[in-house]
PDB file of N, CA and C in Angstrom:
ATOM      1  N   MET A   1     -50.845  65.160 -35.958  1.00  0.00           N
ATOM      2  CA  MET A   1     -51.164  65.381 -37.358  1.00  0.00           C
ATOM      3  C   MET A   1     -52.025  64.231 -37.863  1.00  0.00           C
ATOM      4  N   ARG A   2     -53.073  64.560 -38.502  1.00  0.00           N
ATOM      5  CA  ARG A   2     -53.929  63.571 -39.166  1.00  0.00           C
ATOM      6  C   ARG A   2     -53.740  63.749 -40.664  1.00  0.00           C
ATOM      7  N   GLY A   3     -54.002  62.697 -41.400  1.00  0.00           N
ATOM      8  CA  GLY A   3     -53.880  62.815 -42.840  1.00  0.00           C
ATOM      9  C   GLY A   3     -54.644  61.718 -43.551  1.00  0.00           C
ATOM     10  N   ASN A   4     -54.684  61.841 -44.867  1.00  0.00           N
ATOM     11  CA  ASN A   4     -55.279  60.812 -45.706  1.00  0.00           C
ATOM     12  C   ASN A   4     -54.664  60.897 -47.079  1.00  0.00           C
ATOM     13  N   LEU A   5     -54.830  59.840 -47.839  1.00  0.00           N
ATOM     14  CA  LEU A   5     -54.368  59.878 -49.223  1.00  0.00           C
ATOM     15  C   LEU A   5     -55.402  59.232 -50.116  1.00  0.00           C
ATOM     16  N   ALA A   6     -55.333  59.608 -51.362  1.00  0.00           N
ATOM     17  CA  ALA A   6     -56.223  59.055 -52.380  1.00  0.00           C
ATOM     18  C   ALA A   6     -55.369  58.543 -53.525  1.00  0.00           C
ATOM     19  N   ALA A   7     -55.725  57.376 -54.053  1.00  0.00           N
ATOM     20  CA  ALA A   7     -55.068  56.804 -55.230  1.00  0.00           C
ATOM     21  C   ALA A   7     -56.128  56.682 -56.315  1.00  0.00           C
ATOM     22  N   TYR A   8     -55.791  57.138 -57.528  1.00  0.00           N
ATOM     23  CA  TYR A   8     -56.768  57.145 -58.609  1.00  0.00           C
ATOM     24  C   TYR A   8     -56.055  57.106 -59.962  1.00  0.00           C
ATOM     25  N   PRO A   9     -56.780  56.772 -61.036  1.00  0.00           N
ATOM     26  CA  PRO A   9     -56.145  56.688 -62.358  1.00  0.00           C
ATOM     27  C   PRO A   9     -55.498  58.013 -62.761  1.00  0.00           C
ATOM     28  N   GLY A  10     -54.290  57.939 -63.293  1.00  0.00           N
ATOM     29  CA  GLY A  10     -53.595  59.137 -63.756  1.00  0.00           C
ATOM     30  C   GLY A  10     -54.413  59.870 -64.814  1.00  0.00           C
ATOM     31  N   GLY A  11     -54.506  61.180 -64.694  1.00  0.00           N
ATOM     32  CA  GLY A  11     -55.251  61.995 -65.640  1.00  0.00           C
ATOM     33  C   GLY A  11     -56.711  62.176 -65.269  1.00  0.00           C
ATOM     34  N   ALA A  12     -57.198  61.408 -64.296  1.00  0.00           N
ATOM     35  CA  ALA A  12     -58.595  61.532 -63.859  1.00  0.00           C
ATOM     36  C   ALA A  12     -58.700  62.605 -62.781  1.00  0.00           C
ATOM     37  N   ALA A  13     -59.909  63.058 -62.543  1.00  0.00           N
ATOM     38  CA  ALA A  13     -60.138  64.038 -61.483  1.00  0.00           C
ATOM     39  C   ALA A  13     -59.929  63.364 -60.132  1.00  0.00           C
ATOM     40  N   GLN A  14     -59.399  64.118 -59.174  1.00  0.00           N
ATOM     41  CA  GLN A  14     -59.199  63.581 -57.832  1.00  0.00           C
ATOM     42  C   GLN A  14     -60.554  63.279 -57.207  1.00  0.00           C
ATOM     43  N   PRO A  15     -60.725  62.081 -56.647  1.00  0.00           N
ATOM     44  CA  PRO A  15     -62.014  61.740 -56.037  1.00  0.00           C
ATOM     45  C   PRO A  15     -62.236  62.521 -54.739  1.00  0.00           C
ATOM     46  N   GLY A  16     -63.457  62.586 -54.305  1.00  0.00           N
ATOM     47  CA  GLY A  16     -63.790  63.277 -53.069  1.00  0.00           C
ATOM     48  C   GLY A  16     -63.683  62.393 -51.845  1.00  0.00           C
ATOM     49  N   THR A  17     -63.162  61.186 -52.011  1.00  0.00           N
ATOM     50  CA  THR A  17     -63.008  60.248 -50.901  1.00  0.00           C
ATOM     51  C   THR A  17     -61.538  59.866 -50.757  1.00  0.00           C
ATOM     52  N   SER A  18     -61.182  59.316 -49.607  1.00  0.00           N
ATOM     53  CA  SER A  18     -59.802  58.881 -49.379  1.00  0.00           C
ATOM     54  C   SER A  18     -59.727  57.357 -49.371  1.00  0.00           C
ATOM     55  N   ASP A  19     -58.524  56.843 -49.584  1.00  0.00           N
ATOM     56  CA  ASP A  19     -58.293  55.402 -49.559  1.00  0.00           C
ATOM     57  C   ASP A  19     -57.561  54.957 -48.301  1.00  0.00           C
ATOM     58  N   LEU A  20     -56.932  55.884 -47.601  1.00  0.00           N
ATOM     59  CA  LEU A  20     -56.194  55.563 -46.384  1.00  0.00           C
ATOM     60  C   LEU A  20     -56.215  56.780 -45.475  1.00  0.00           C
ATOM     61  N   ASN A  21     -56.548  56.576 -44.198  1.00  0.00           N
ATOM     62  CA  ASN A  21     -56.599  57.658 -43.209  1.00  0.00           C
ATOM     63  C   ASN A  21     -55.694  57.294 -42.041  1.00  0.00           C
ATOM     64  N   TRP A  22     -54.995  58.289 -41.460  1.00  0.00           N
ATOM     65  CA  TRP A  22     -54.092  57.995 -40.359  1.00  0.00           C
ATOM     66  C   TRP A  22     -53.996  59.158 -39.388  1.00  0.00           C
ATOM     67  N   ASN A  23     -53.467  58.817 -38.198  1.00  0.00           N
ATOM     68  CA  ASN A  23     -53.064  59.795 -37.194  1.00  0.00           C
ATOM     69  C   ASN A  23     -51.545  59.761 -37.127  1.00  0.00           C
ATOM     70  N   ALA A  24     -50.939  60.760 -36.512  1.00  0.00           N
ATOM     71  CA  ALA A  24     -49.482  60.845 -36.418  1.00  0.00           C
ATOM     72  C   ALA A  24     -48.894  59.582 -35.809  1.00  0.00           C
ATOM     73  N   ALA A  25     -47.740  59.165 -36.321  1.00  0.00           N
ATOM     74  CA  ALA A  25     -46.938  58.046 -35.813  1.00  0.00           C
ATOM     75  C   ALA A  25     -47.619  56.687 -35.953  1.00  0.00           C
ATOM     76  N   GLU A  26     -48.580  56.537 -36.836  1.00  0.00           N
ATOM     77  CA  GLU A  26     -49.215  55.245 -37.081  1.00  0.00           C
ATOM     78  C   GLU A  26     -48.598  54.579 -38.300  1.00  0.00           C
ATOM     79  N   THR A  27     -48.538  53.266 -38.257  1.00  0.00           N
ATOM     80  CA  THR A  27     -48.175  52.466 -39.419  1.00  0.00           C
ATOM     81  C   THR A  27     -49.425  51.683 -39.803  1.00  0.00           C
ATOM     82  N   ILE A  28     -49.886  51.868 -41.035  1.00  0.00           N
ATOM     83  CA  ILE A  28     -51.148  51.274 -41.472  1.00  0.00           C
ATOM     84  C   ILE A  28     -50.947  50.577 -42.811  1.00  0.00           C
ATOM     85  N   ALA A  29     -51.507  49.377 -42.926  1.00  0.00           N
ATOM     86  CA  ALA A  29     -51.501  48.649 -44.199  1.00  0.00           C
ATOM     87  C   ALA A  29     -52.888  48.748 -44.822  1.00  0.00           C
ATOM     88  N   ASN A  30     -52.932  48.729 -46.137  1.00  0.00           N
ATOM     89  CA  ASN A  30     -54.198  48.818 -46.844  1.00  0.00           C
ATOM     90  C   ASN A  30     -54.023  48.225 -48.238  1.00  0.00           C
ATOM     91  N   SER A  31     -55.109  47.855 -48.855  1.00  0.00           N
ATOM     92  CA  SER A  31     -55.097  47.354 -50.222  1.00  0.00           C
ATOM     93  C   SER A  31     -56.173  48.095 -51.000  1.00  0.00           C
ATOM     94  N   VAL A  32     -55.774  48.693 -52.112  1.00  0.00           N
ATOM     95  CA  VAL A  32     -56.707  49.497 -52.908  1.00  0.00           C
ATOM     96  C   VAL A  32     -56.541  49.146 -54.382  1.00  0.00           C
ATOM     97  N   PRO A  33     -57.572  48.607 -55.033  1.00  0.00           N
ATOM     98  CA  PRO A  33     -57.469  48.382 -56.480  1.00  0.00           C
ATOM     99  C   PRO A  33     -57.646  49.706 -57.216  1.00  0.00           C
ATOM    100  N   VAL A  34     -56.698  50.032 -58.080  1.00  0.00           N
ATOM    101  CA  VAL A  34     -56.758  51.274 -58.857  1.00  0.00           C
ATOM    102  C   VAL A  34     -56.436  50.940 -60.302  1.00  0.00           C
ATOM    103  N   ALA A  35     -57.357  51.231 -61.194  1.00  0.00           N
ATOM    104  CA  ALA A  35     -57.087  51.038 -62.620  1.00  0.00           C
ATOM    105  C   ALA A  35     -56.137  52.129 -63.087  1.00  0.00           C
ATOM    106  N   GLY A  36     -55.195  51.772 -63.912  1.00  0.00           N
ATOM    107  CA  GLY A  36     -54.269  52.764 -64.444  1.00  0.00           C
ATOM    108  C   GLY A  36     -54.951  53.676 -65.451  1.00  0.00           C
ATOM    109  N   GLY A  37     -54.508  54.897 -65.507  1.00  0.00           N
ATOM    110  CA  GLY A  37     -55.012  55.837 -66.496  1.00  0.00           C
ATOM    111  C   GLY A  37     -54.204  55.689 -67.775  1.00  0.00           C
ATOM    112  N   ALA A  38     -53.950  56.803 -68.460  1.00  0.00           N
ATOM    113  CA  ALA A  38     -53.159  56.788 -69.686  1.00  0.00           C
ATOM    114  C   ALA A  38     -51.793  56.168 -69.414  1.00  0.00           C
ATOM    115  N   ALA A  39     -51.392  55.245 -70.229  1.00  0.00           N
ATOM    116  CA  ALA A  39     -50.100  54.556 -70.134  1.00  0.00           C
ATOM    117  C   ALA A  39     -49.945  53.801 -68.812  1.00  0.00           C
ATOM    118  N   GLY A  40     -51.062  53.455 -68.150  1.00  0.00           N
ATOM    119  CA  GLY A  40     -50.998  52.689 -66.911  1.00  0.00           C
ATOM    120  C   GLY A  40     -50.606  53.489 -65.687  1.00  0.00           C
ATOM    121  N   VAL A  41     -50.666  54.806 -65.768  1.00  0.00           N
ATOM    122  CA  VAL A  41     -50.231  55.674 -64.673  1.00  0.00           C
ATOM    123  C   VAL A  41     -51.310  55.780 -63.600  1.00  0.00           C
ATOM    124  N   ILE A  42     -50.880  55.761 -62.314  1.00  0.00           N
ATOM    125  CA  ILE A  42     -51.797  56.075 -61.219  1.00  0.00           C
ATOM    126  C   ILE A  42     -51.271  57.315 -60.500  1.00  0.00           C
ATOM    127  N   THR A  43     -52.163  58.034 -59.854  1.00  0.00           N
ATOM    128  CA  THR A  43     -51.800  59.208 -59.069  1.00  0.00           C
ATOM    129  C   THR A  43     -52.106  58.924 -57.616  1.00  0.00           C
ATOM    130  N   VAL A  44     -51.178  59.284 -56.727  1.00  0.00           N
ATOM    131  CA  VAL A  44     -51.386  59.155 -55.289  1.00  0.00           C
ATOM    132  C   VAL A  44     -51.240  60.555 -54.702  1.00  0.00           C
ATOM    133  N   PHE A  45     -52.303  61.030 -54.038  1.00  0.00           N
ATOM    134  CA  PHE A  45     -52.320  62.379 -53.487  1.00  0.00           C
ATOM    135  C   PHE A  45     -52.259  62.326 -51.966  1.00  0.00           C
ATOM    136  N   ASN A  46     -51.244  62.951 -51.371  1.00  0.00           N
ATOM    137  CA  ASN A  46     -51.067  63.043 -49.930  1.00  0.00           C
ATOM    138  C   ASN A  46     -51.797  64.294 -49.438  1.00  0.00           C
ATOM    139  N   ASN A  47     -52.895  64.107 -48.739  1.00  0.00           N
ATOM    140  CA  ASN A  47     -53.676  65.237 -48.241  1.00  0.00           C
ATOM    141  C   ASN A  47     -53.397  65.425 -46.750  1.00  0.00           C
ATOM    142  N   SER A  48     -52.146  65.715 -46.419  1.00  0.00           N
ATOM    143  CA  SER A  48     -51.770  66.004 -45.039  1.00  0.00           C
ATOM    144  C   SER A  48     -50.825  67.198 -45.049  1.00  0.00           C
ATOM    145  N   ALA A  49     -50.563  67.723 -43.879  1.00  0.00           N
ATOM    146  CA  ALA A  49     -49.678  68.878 -43.767  1.00  0.00           C
ATOM    147  C   ALA A  49     -48.208  68.484 -43.736  1.00  0.00           C
ATOM    148  N   GLY A  50     -47.918  67.190 -43.670  1.00  0.00           N
ATOM    149  CA  GLY A  50     -46.533  66.748 -43.531  1.00  0.00           C
ATOM    150  C   GLY A  50     -46.071  65.840 -44.643  1.00  0.00           C
ATOM    151  N   THR A  51     -44.890  65.304 -44.448  1.00  0.00           N
ATOM    152  CA  THR A  51     -44.287  64.347 -45.370  1.00  0.00           C
ATOM    153  C   THR A  51     -44.624  62.936 -44.886  1.00  0.00           C
ATOM    154  N   ILE A  52     -44.871  62.030 -45.812  1.00  0.00           N
ATOM    155  CA  ILE A  52     -45.183  60.653 -45.447  1.00  0.00           C
ATOM    156  C   ILE A  52     -44.171  59.706 -46.073  1.00  0.00           C
ATOM    157  N   HIS A  53     -44.075  58.514 -45.526  1.00  0.00           N
ATOM    158  CA  HIS A  53     -43.293  57.425 -46.105  1.00  0.00           C
ATOM    159  C   HIS A  53     -44.308  56.438 -46.650  1.00  0.00           C
ATOM    160  N   LEU A  54     -44.222  56.129 -47.935  1.00  0.00           N
ATOM    161  CA  LEU A  54     -45.236  55.315 -48.595  1.00  0.00           C
ATOM    162  C   LEU A  54     -44.558  54.236 -49.434  1.00  0.00           C
ATOM    163  N   VAL A  55     -45.054  53.010 -49.320  1.00  0.00           N
ATOM    164  CA  VAL A  55     -44.586  51.904 -50.142  1.00  0.00           C
ATOM    165  C   VAL A  55     -45.768  51.420 -50.969  1.00  0.00           C
ATOM    166  N   ILE A  56     -45.573  51.313 -52.273  1.00  0.00           N
ATOM    167  CA  ILE A  56     -46.630  50.839 -53.172  1.00  0.00           C
ATOM    168  C   ILE A  56     -46.140  49.572 -53.863  1.00  0.00           C
ATOM    169  N   ASP A  57     -46.927  48.514 -53.762  1.00  0.00           N
ATOM    170  CA  ASP A  57     -46.637  47.263 -54.457  1.00  0.00           C
ATOM    171  C   ASP A  57     -47.712  47.054 -55.514  1.00  0.00           C
ATOM    172  N   CYS A  58     -47.286  46.723 -56.719  1.00  0.00           N
ATOM    173  CA  CYS A  58     -48.221  46.391 -57.781  1.00  0.00           C
ATOM    174  C   CYS A  58     -48.286  44.869 -57.880  1.00  0.00           C
ATOM    175  N   SER A  59     -49.464  44.319 -57.629  1.00  0.00           N
ATOM    176  CA  SER A  59     -49.573  42.864 -57.660  1.00  0.00           C
ATOM    177  C   SER A  59     -50.465  42.361 -58.798  1.00  0.00           C
ATOM    178  N   GLY A  60     -50.750  43.220 -59.746  1.00  0.00           N
ATOM    179  CA  GLY A  60     -51.557  42.837 -60.890  1.00  0.00           C
ATOM    180  C   GLY A  60     -51.885  44.060 -61.722  1.00  0.00           C
ATOM    181  N   PHE A  61     -52.689  43.870 -62.743  1.00  0.00           N
ATOM    182  CA  PHE A  61     -53.082  45.006 -63.574  1.00  0.00           C
ATOM    183  C   PHE A  61     -54.425  44.716 -64.219  1.00  0.00           C
ATOM    184  N   PHE A  62     -55.075  45.753 -64.686  1.00  0.00           N
ATOM    185  CA  PHE A  62     -56.335  45.642 -65.415  1.00  0.00           C
ATOM    186  C   PHE A  62     -56.033  45.681 -66.898  1.00  0.00           C
ATOM    187  N   ALA A  63     -56.381  44.629 -67.612  1.00  0.00           N
ATOM    188  CA  ALA A  63     -56.139  44.570 -69.061  1.00  0.00           C
ATOM    189  C   ALA A  63     -57.306  45.188 -69.811  1.00  0.00           C
ATOM    190  N   SER A  64     -57.015  45.846 -70.913  1.00  0.00           N
ATOM    191  CA  SER A  64     -58.059  46.387 -71.775  1.00  0.00           C
ATOM    192  C   SER A  64     -58.777  45.231 -72.457  1.00  0.00           C
ATOM    193  N   SER A  65     -60.093  45.374 -72.618  1.00  0.00           N
ATOM    194  CA  SER A  65     -60.823  44.284 -73.275  1.00  0.00           C
ATOM    195  C   SER A  65     -61.116  44.606 -74.709  1.00  0.00           C
TER     196      SER A  65
END
């Protein structure tokens, strides 16, 4: 099984690109800056045929100017 996921601001249209790509039984680390949408929400879309295990760490935020 191959898969990918996309992370993007909540409420925005899903982008046509992925942020992480994998093959079955792989463990992959990645870092993706994503600005929060309304109320700081982000959306993560799993574009694979299976279930994934995902850990998300927030290490900062984008402040409104």
